[in-house]
């Protein structure tokens, strides 16, 4: 069985607080890389161990991005 372990993706994070979305986009890009690795390596399961989102109440954008990417 091939297992991919990932944690602390912090989708929606944009710290340090600025009006630029570039840092937030970095988190989304890395999340997509993890998904690409899982598909490419044909893992049997992905274990995500916490902090999928940066905030307990994620923004609609962060929530939408997670759902879209995981599909």
N, C-alpha and C. Protein backbone atom coordinates (compact mmCIF):
# COMPACT_ATOMS: atom_id res chain seq x y z
N UNK A 1 0.85 -1.18 0.00
CA UNK A 1 0.00 0.00 0.00
C UNK A 1 0.89 1.24 0.00
N UNK A 2 0.58 2.17 -0.89
CA UNK A 2 1.33 3.42 -0.98
C UNK A 2 0.50 4.53 -0.36
N UNK A 3 1.06 5.17 0.66
CA UNK A 3 0.36 6.20 1.42
C UNK A 3 1.10 7.52 1.27
N UNK A 4 0.36 8.59 1.02
CA UNK A 4 0.93 9.94 0.97
C UNK A 4 0.47 10.69 2.20
N UNK A 5 1.43 11.17 2.98
CA UNK A 5 1.13 11.92 4.20
C UNK A 5 1.40 13.39 3.94
N UNK A 6 0.46 14.25 4.28
CA UNK A 6 0.61 15.69 4.11
C UNK A 6 -0.09 16.38 5.28
N UNK A 7 0.40 17.56 5.63
CA UNK A 7 -0.27 18.33 6.68
C UNK A 7 0.02 19.80 6.49
N UNK A 8 -0.71 20.61 7.22
CA UNK A 8 -0.48 22.06 7.28
C UNK A 8 -0.50 22.73 5.91
N UNK A 9 -1.52 22.44 5.12
CA UNK A 9 -1.62 23.09 3.81
C UNK A 9 -2.11 24.53 3.94
N UNK A 10 -2.82 24.86 4.99
CA UNK A 10 -3.23 26.24 5.31
C UNK A 10 -3.83 26.99 4.13
N UNK A 11 -4.77 26.35 3.44
CA UNK A 11 -5.43 27.03 2.32
C UNK A 11 -6.12 28.29 2.81
N UNK A 12 -5.95 29.36 2.07
CA UNK A 12 -6.54 30.64 2.42
C UNK A 12 -5.61 31.55 3.19
N UNK A 13 -4.42 31.06 3.56
CA UNK A 13 -3.47 31.90 4.31
C UNK A 13 -2.93 33.00 3.41
N UNK A 14 -2.77 34.16 3.98
CA UNK A 14 -2.22 35.27 3.19
C UNK A 14 -1.32 36.15 4.05
N UNK A 15 -0.67 35.52 5.02
CA UNK A 15 0.21 36.28 5.90
C UNK A 15 1.58 36.44 5.28
N UNK A 16 2.33 37.45 5.52
CA UNK A 16 1.95 38.60 6.36
C UNK A 16 0.82 39.39 5.71
N UNK A 17 0.00 39.98 6.54
CA UNK A 17 -1.17 40.67 6.01
C UNK A 17 -0.75 41.81 5.09
N UNK A 18 -1.15 41.67 3.89
CA UNK A 18 -0.94 42.71 2.89
C UNK A 18 -2.11 42.60 1.94
N UNK A 19 -2.18 43.49 1.02
CA UNK A 19 -3.30 43.45 0.08
C UNK A 19 -2.93 42.65 -1.17
N UNK A 20 -1.82 41.95 -1.11
CA UNK A 20 -1.40 41.10 -2.22
C UNK A 20 -1.88 39.68 -1.98
N UNK A 21 -2.34 39.03 -3.04
CA UNK A 21 -2.80 37.64 -2.92
C UNK A 21 -1.68 36.67 -3.24
N UNK A 22 -0.47 37.14 -3.51
CA UNK A 22 0.59 36.25 -3.98
C UNK A 22 0.91 35.15 -2.96
N UNK A 23 0.94 35.46 -1.69
CA UNK A 23 1.23 34.44 -0.68
C UNK A 23 0.11 33.41 -0.61
N UNK A 24 -1.12 33.86 -0.67
CA UNK A 24 -2.25 32.95 -0.67
C UNK A 24 -2.18 32.01 -1.87
N UNK A 25 -1.82 32.54 -3.01
CA UNK A 25 -1.71 31.72 -4.22
C UNK A 25 -0.60 30.69 -4.11
N UNK A 26 0.45 30.99 -3.35
CA UNK A 26 1.52 30.02 -3.12
C UNK A 26 0.98 28.76 -2.43
N UNK A 27 0.11 28.94 -1.44
CA UNK A 27 -0.46 27.80 -0.73
C UNK A 27 -1.32 26.95 -1.66
N UNK A 28 -2.08 27.60 -2.54
CA UNK A 28 -2.91 26.86 -3.49
C UNK A 28 -2.03 26.08 -4.48
N UNK A 29 -0.96 26.70 -4.92
CA UNK A 29 -0.05 26.06 -5.87
C UNK A 29 0.58 24.80 -5.27
N UNK A 30 1.02 24.89 -4.04
CA UNK A 30 1.63 23.73 -3.38
C UNK A 30 0.59 22.64 -3.16
N UNK A 31 -0.63 23.02 -2.81
CA UNK A 31 -1.71 22.04 -2.64
C UNK A 31 -1.94 21.28 -3.95
N UNK A 32 -1.94 22.00 -5.07
CA UNK A 32 -2.09 21.34 -6.37
C UNK A 32 -0.92 20.40 -6.66
N UNK A 33 0.28 20.78 -6.26
CA UNK A 33 1.44 19.91 -6.45
C UNK A 33 1.27 18.60 -5.68
N UNK A 34 0.74 18.67 -4.47
CA UNK A 34 0.51 17.47 -3.67
C UNK A 34 -0.49 16.56 -4.38
N UNK A 35 -1.54 17.14 -4.91
CA UNK A 35 -2.54 16.34 -5.63
C UNK A 35 -1.92 15.72 -6.88
N UNK A 36 -1.11 16.48 -7.60
CA UNK A 36 -0.45 15.94 -8.79
C UNK A 36 0.47 14.77 -8.44
N UNK A 37 1.18 14.88 -7.34
CA UNK A 37 2.06 13.78 -6.89
C UNK A 37 1.22 12.55 -6.56
N UNK A 38 0.11 12.75 -5.87
CA UNK A 38 -0.75 11.62 -5.50
C UNK A 38 -1.26 10.90 -6.74
N UNK A 39 -1.66 11.65 -7.75
CA UNK A 39 -2.16 11.04 -8.98
C UNK A 39 -1.03 10.36 -9.74
N UNK A 40 0.08 11.06 -9.89
CA UNK A 40 1.22 10.52 -10.65
C UNK A 40 1.75 9.24 -10.03
N UNK A 41 1.86 9.22 -8.72
CA UNK A 41 2.42 8.06 -8.02
C UNK A 41 1.37 6.98 -7.74
N UNK A 42 0.14 7.28 -8.09
CA UNK A 42 -0.96 6.32 -7.91
C UNK A 42 -1.05 5.80 -6.48
N UNK A 43 -1.08 6.75 -5.56
CA UNK A 43 -1.15 6.37 -4.15
C UNK A 43 -2.49 5.73 -3.85
N UNK A 44 -2.48 4.87 -2.86
CA UNK A 44 -3.71 4.20 -2.45
C UNK A 44 -4.55 5.06 -1.51
N UNK A 45 -3.88 5.92 -0.75
CA UNK A 45 -4.58 6.77 0.20
C UNK A 45 -3.75 8.00 0.51
N UNK A 46 -4.45 9.08 0.83
CA UNK A 46 -3.79 10.31 1.26
C UNK A 46 -4.24 10.57 2.69
N UNK A 47 -3.28 10.79 3.56
CA UNK A 47 -3.56 11.09 4.96
C UNK A 47 -3.20 12.56 5.20
N UNK A 48 -4.21 13.39 5.42
CA UNK A 48 -3.99 14.81 5.68
C UNK A 48 -4.15 15.02 7.18
N UNK A 49 -3.08 15.44 7.83
CA UNK A 49 -3.06 15.51 9.30
C UNK A 49 -3.16 16.92 9.83
N UNK A 50 -4.17 17.61 9.47
CA UNK A 50 -4.46 18.88 10.13
C UNK A 50 -4.13 20.12 9.35
N UNK A 51 -4.88 21.15 9.69
CA UNK A 51 -4.74 22.49 9.10
C UNK A 51 -4.87 22.48 7.59
N UNK A 52 -5.94 21.89 7.10
CA UNK A 52 -6.25 22.00 5.67
C UNK A 52 -6.46 23.46 5.33
N UNK A 53 -7.23 24.15 6.17
CA UNK A 53 -7.46 25.58 5.98
C UNK A 53 -6.69 26.36 7.03
N UNK A 54 -6.43 27.62 6.73
CA UNK A 54 -5.69 28.46 7.66
C UNK A 54 -6.57 28.97 8.79
N UNK A 55 -7.85 28.99 8.56
CA UNK A 55 -8.79 29.58 9.50
C UNK A 55 -9.89 28.57 9.81
N UNK A 56 -10.41 28.55 11.03
CA UNK A 56 -11.50 27.62 11.35
C UNK A 56 -12.76 27.89 10.51
N UNK A 57 -12.90 29.11 10.03
CA UNK A 57 -14.00 29.46 9.14
C UNK A 57 -13.40 29.96 7.82
N UNK A 58 -13.06 29.01 6.93
CA UNK A 58 -12.37 29.40 5.70
C UNK A 58 -13.21 30.32 4.81
N UNK A 59 -12.51 31.12 4.06
CA UNK A 59 -13.19 32.00 3.11
C UNK A 59 -13.86 31.14 2.04
N UNK A 60 -14.88 31.67 1.40
CA UNK A 60 -15.50 30.93 0.31
C UNK A 60 -14.49 30.54 -0.77
N UNK A 61 -13.53 31.42 -1.04
CA UNK A 61 -12.52 31.13 -2.05
C UNK A 61 -11.68 29.92 -1.65
N UNK A 62 -11.24 29.86 -0.40
CA UNK A 62 -10.42 28.74 0.07
C UNK A 62 -11.21 27.44 0.04
N UNK A 63 -12.45 27.50 0.49
CA UNK A 63 -13.30 26.30 0.51
C UNK A 63 -13.55 25.81 -0.92
N UNK A 64 -13.90 26.71 -1.80
CA UNK A 64 -14.15 26.36 -3.20
C UNK A 64 -12.90 25.74 -3.83
N UNK A 65 -11.75 26.33 -3.57
CA UNK A 65 -10.50 25.84 -4.15
C UNK A 65 -10.21 24.42 -3.69
N UNK A 66 -10.41 24.16 -2.41
CA UNK A 66 -10.15 22.81 -1.88
C UNK A 66 -11.06 21.79 -2.54
N UNK A 67 -12.34 22.09 -2.62
CA UNK A 67 -13.30 21.15 -3.22
C UNK A 67 -12.97 20.94 -4.70
N UNK A 68 -12.70 22.01 -5.41
CA UNK A 68 -12.39 21.91 -6.84
C UNK A 68 -11.14 21.09 -7.07
N UNK A 69 -10.12 21.33 -6.30
CA UNK A 69 -8.85 20.62 -6.48
C UNK A 69 -8.96 19.13 -6.14
N UNK A 70 -9.71 18.82 -5.11
CA UNK A 70 -9.83 17.42 -4.68
C UNK A 70 -10.70 16.59 -5.61
N UNK A 71 -11.55 17.23 -6.38
CA UNK A 71 -12.36 16.48 -7.34
C UNK A 71 -11.47 15.95 -8.41
